Amino acid sequence: MKRKAKRWLGMGELIVVAGFAGLNALAYSHAEAMLRFSDGGLRTTTPERLGLLSRVNVLPAGVNIPRPRSHRHPSDLAPDCRLLSVPGARGITLASWYCNRGRGTPVVIPFHGCSAEKTSLLREARALLDLGASVMLVDFRGSGGSSESYTTVGVHEAEDVAAAVDYARQRLSHSDVFLG
């Protein structure tokens, strides 16, 4: 009886494995690009608006999402607003603006969306102030004046929300804390 020699991988299988590994490396680099804010440049437009050459350029490196920044000042919200530095989880610092309307008022903490920063909520914050509430605007990690340069699309940002609420409860004297 003759034994068949065992072969490890044939050329076809090797091509499939190499293709699978290459696609995984490409997916990893795209995920990394989508979660890390860049220091500048133009934001990559939507795929529907990219031309063929632009799509080919984006394919190996992924998209460019510049860090959300603002050059506004707390007084742009109200003359009595001030800057706060809120300690967050994992050693990060959350940049915040705080407008105090008095001890007996609730403090409302609205949070911005992904790839935005606190000044995107100025209209809503002004409306809350007009209603008599105190307001605390907070930049998530990687946004505005906060530390870091990444987003986790909500995973660690939940810790940022908890840190802001804890800060408001422990250091700001208000009847209630509401999230917006």
Protein backbone atom coordinates (compact mmCIF):
# COMPACT_ATOMS: atom_id res chain seq x y z
CA MET A 1 0.00 0.00 0.00
CA LYS A 2 1.32 3.34 -1.01
CA ARG A 3 0.99 6.34 1.29
CA LYS A 4 0.03 9.65 -0.15
CA ALA A 5 2.35 12.48 0.77
CA LYS A 6 0.60 15.11 2.83
CA ARG A 7 0.87 18.55 1.41
CA TRP A 8 0.33 21.65 3.51
CA LEU A 9 -1.29 24.11 1.12
CA GLY A 10 -1.60 24.19 -2.60
CA MET A 11 -1.23 27.34 -4.66
CA GLY A 12 -4.99 27.94 -4.77
CA GLU A 13 -5.40 27.67 -1.01
CA LEU A 14 -2.36 29.89 -0.48
CA ILE A 15 -3.90 32.60 -2.67
CA VAL A 16 -7.16 32.40 -0.71
CA VAL A 17 -5.35 32.66 2.65
CA ALA A 18 -3.22 35.58 1.41
CA GLY A 19 -6.32 37.35 0.06
CA PHE A 20 -8.15 36.84 3.34
CA ALA A 21 -5.19 38.19 5.34
CA GLY A 22 -4.88 41.18 2.99
CA LEU A 23 -8.57 42.04 3.30
CA ASN A 24 -8.35 41.82 7.09
CA ALA A 25 -5.32 44.14 7.13
CA LEU A 26 -7.19 46.59 4.89
CA ALA A 27 -10.29 46.45 7.13
CA TYR A 28 -8.11 47.05 10.20
CA SER A 29 -6.45 50.10 8.66
CA HIS A 30 -9.86 51.53 7.67
CA ALA A 31 -11.27 50.99 11.17
CA GLU A 32 -8.19 52.62 12.69
CA ALA A 33 -8.56 55.64 10.36
CA MET A 34 -12.23 56.00 11.27
CA LEU A 35 -11.53 55.96 15.02
CA ARG A 36 -8.44 58.21 15.14
CA PHE A 37 -8.82 61.91 14.49
CA SER A 38 -6.10 63.46 12.34
CA ASP A 39 -4.32 66.71 13.14
CA GLY A 40 -5.59 68.43 10.04
CA GLY A 41 -6.39 68.30 6.39
CA LEU A 42 -9.75 68.05 4.74
CA ARG A 43 -12.32 65.53 5.87
CA THR A 44 -12.84 62.75 3.34
CA THR A 45 -16.17 63.30 1.64
CA THR A 46 -18.89 60.66 1.42
CA PRO A 47 -18.18 57.66 -0.83
CA GLU A 48 -20.94 58.72 -3.22
CA ARG A 49 -19.12 62.00 -3.90
CA LEU A 50 -15.64 60.50 -4.37
CA GLY A 51 -14.36 60.17 -7.91
CA LEU A 52 -12.57 57.05 -9.09
CA LEU A 53 -9.07 58.43 -8.44
CA SER A 54 -10.07 59.60 -4.95
CA ARG A 55 -11.54 56.17 -4.15
CA VAL A 56 -8.31 54.52 -5.24
CA ASN A 57 -6.34 56.92 -2.98
CA VAL A 58 -8.60 56.27 0.03
CA LEU A 59 -8.50 52.48 -0.38
CA PRO A 60 -5.08 51.76 1.17
CA ALA A 61 -5.06 54.37 3.96
CA GLY A 62 -8.70 54.91 4.83
CA VAL A 63 -10.59 58.14 5.40
CA ASN A 64 -9.32 61.36 6.96
CA ILE A 65 -11.39 62.73 9.84
CA PRO A 66 -9.81 65.87 11.33
CA ARG A 67 -10.13 66.38 15.07
CA PRO A 68 -13.27 68.42 15.84
CA ARG A 69 -12.09 71.81 17.14
CA SER A 70 -13.59 75.13 18.04
CA HIS A 71 -12.00 78.53 18.48
CA ARG A 72 -14.94 79.88 20.41
CA HIS A 73 -14.89 81.10 23.99
CA PRO A 74 -17.34 80.30 26.84
CA SER A 75 -18.52 83.91 26.71
CA ASP A 76 -19.91 83.14 23.23
CA LEU A 77 -22.60 81.19 25.08
CA ALA A 78 -23.19 83.71 27.86
CA PRO A 79 -21.05 86.41 29.53
CA ASP A 80 -20.88 84.52 32.85
CA CYS A 81 -19.85 81.13 31.44
CA ARG A 82 -16.49 79.72 32.41
CA LEU A 83 -14.16 76.97 31.35
CA LEU A 84 -13.98 73.79 33.43
CA SER A 85 -11.51 70.94 33.25
CA VAL A 86 -13.32 67.73 34.20
CA PRO A 87 -11.19 64.70 35.13
CA GLY A 88 -12.34 61.65 33.22
CA ALA A 89 -11.67 57.95 33.34
CA ARG A 90 -8.30 56.52 32.26
CA GLY A 91 -6.51 59.82 32.95
CA ILE A 92 -8.23 61.88 30.29
CA THR A 93 -9.39 65.48 30.70
CA LEU A 94 -12.73 66.71 29.41
CA ALA A 95 -12.95 70.37 28.39
CA SER A 96 -16.26 71.87 29.51
CA TRP A 97 -18.13 75.16 29.67
CA TYR A 98 -20.31 75.93 32.66
CA CYS A 99 -23.02 78.58 33.00
CA ASN A 100 -24.44 78.84 36.53
CA ARG A 101 -27.96 80.20 36.98
CA GLY A 102 -28.03 79.58 40.74
CA ARG A 103 -28.11 76.82 43.36
CA GLY A 104 -31.82 76.09 43.07
CA THR A 105 -31.66 75.53 39.32
CA PRO A 106 -31.08 72.20 37.64
CA VAL A 107 -27.93 71.76 35.58
CA VAL A 108 -28.45 70.29 32.12
CA ILE A 109 -25.55 68.54 30.38
CA PRO A 110 -26.20 68.12 26.63
CA PHE A 111 -23.71 65.97 24.72
CA HIS A 112 -22.62 66.43 21.10
CA GLY A 113 -22.59 63.73 18.45
CA CYS A 114 -19.71 61.83 16.88
CA SER A 115 -17.11 63.96 15.07
CA ALA A 116 -18.51 67.15 16.63
CA GLU A 117 -17.68 69.26 19.69
CA LYS A 118 -19.53 71.23 22.36
CA THR A 119 -20.10 74.41 20.34
CA SER A 120 -22.36 72.45 17.99
CA LEU A 121 -24.90 72.71 20.83
CA LEU A 122 -24.80 76.48 21.40
CA ARG A 123 -28.37 77.04 20.15
CA GLU A 124 -29.77 74.35 22.44
CA ALA A 125 -27.66 75.57 25.37
CA ARG A 126 -28.91 79.14 24.92
CA ALA A 127 -32.51 77.89 24.93
CA LEU A 128 -31.85 76.03 28.20
CA LEU A 129 -30.31 79.14 29.73
CA ASP A 130 -33.34 81.18 28.61
CA LEU A 131 -35.54 78.67 30.45
CA GLY A 132 -33.55 79.32 33.63
CA ALA A 133 -31.46 76.15 33.76
CA SER A 134 -27.73 76.04 34.38
CA VAL A 135 -25.77 74.41 31.53
CA MET A 136 -22.56 72.40 31.30
CA LEU A 137 -21.30 71.69 27.76
CA VAL A 138 -18.74 68.89 27.57
CA ASP A 139 -16.34 67.79 24.84
CA PHE A 140 -15.99 64.02 24.56
CA ARG A 141 -12.46 62.59 24.47
CA GLY A 142 -10.69 63.51 21.25
CA SER A 143 -13.03 66.44 20.56
CA GLY A 144 -12.68 70.17 21.08
CA GLY A 145 -10.41 70.95 24.02
CA SER A 146 -10.47 67.48 25.61
CA SER A 147 -7.43 65.24 25.69
CA GLU A 148 -6.78 62.24 23.41
CA SER A 149 -7.22 62.01 19.65
CA TYR A 150 -9.60 59.10 19.17
CA THR A 151 -13.22 58.08 19.46
CA THR A 152 -14.62 54.72 20.46
CA VAL A 153 -18.02 55.55 18.99
CA GLY A 154 -19.71 55.37 22.38
CA VAL A 155 -17.82 52.64 24.24
CA HIS A 156 -15.55 54.85 26.36
CA GLU A 157 -17.61 57.97 25.74
CA ALA A 158 -20.10 56.47 28.21
CA GLU A 159 -17.33 56.91 30.81
CA ASP A 160 -17.10 60.57 29.75
CA VAL A 161 -20.82 61.01 30.43
CA ALA A 162 -20.45 59.36 33.85
CA ALA A 163 -17.44 61.56 34.69
CA ALA A 164 -19.34 64.73 33.74
CA VAL A 165 -22.37 63.70 35.83
CA ASP A 166 -20.15 62.80 38.81
CA TYR A 167 -18.35 66.13 38.53
CA ALA A 168 -21.65 68.05 38.39
CA ARG A 169 -23.06 66.18 41.40
CA GLN A 170 -19.94 66.50 43.53
CA ARG A 171 -18.61 69.96 42.63
CA LEU A 172 -21.54 72.00 41.32
CA SER A 173 -24.36 72.83 43.70
CA HIS A 174 -27.61 72.21 41.84
CA SER A 175 -30.95 70.72 42.72
CA ASP A 176 -30.84 68.18 39.87
CA VAL A 177 -28.59 67.00 37.04
CA PHE A 178 -30.22 66.26 33.68
CA LEU A 179 -28.66 64.85 30.50
CA GLY A 180 -29.59 66.20 27.11
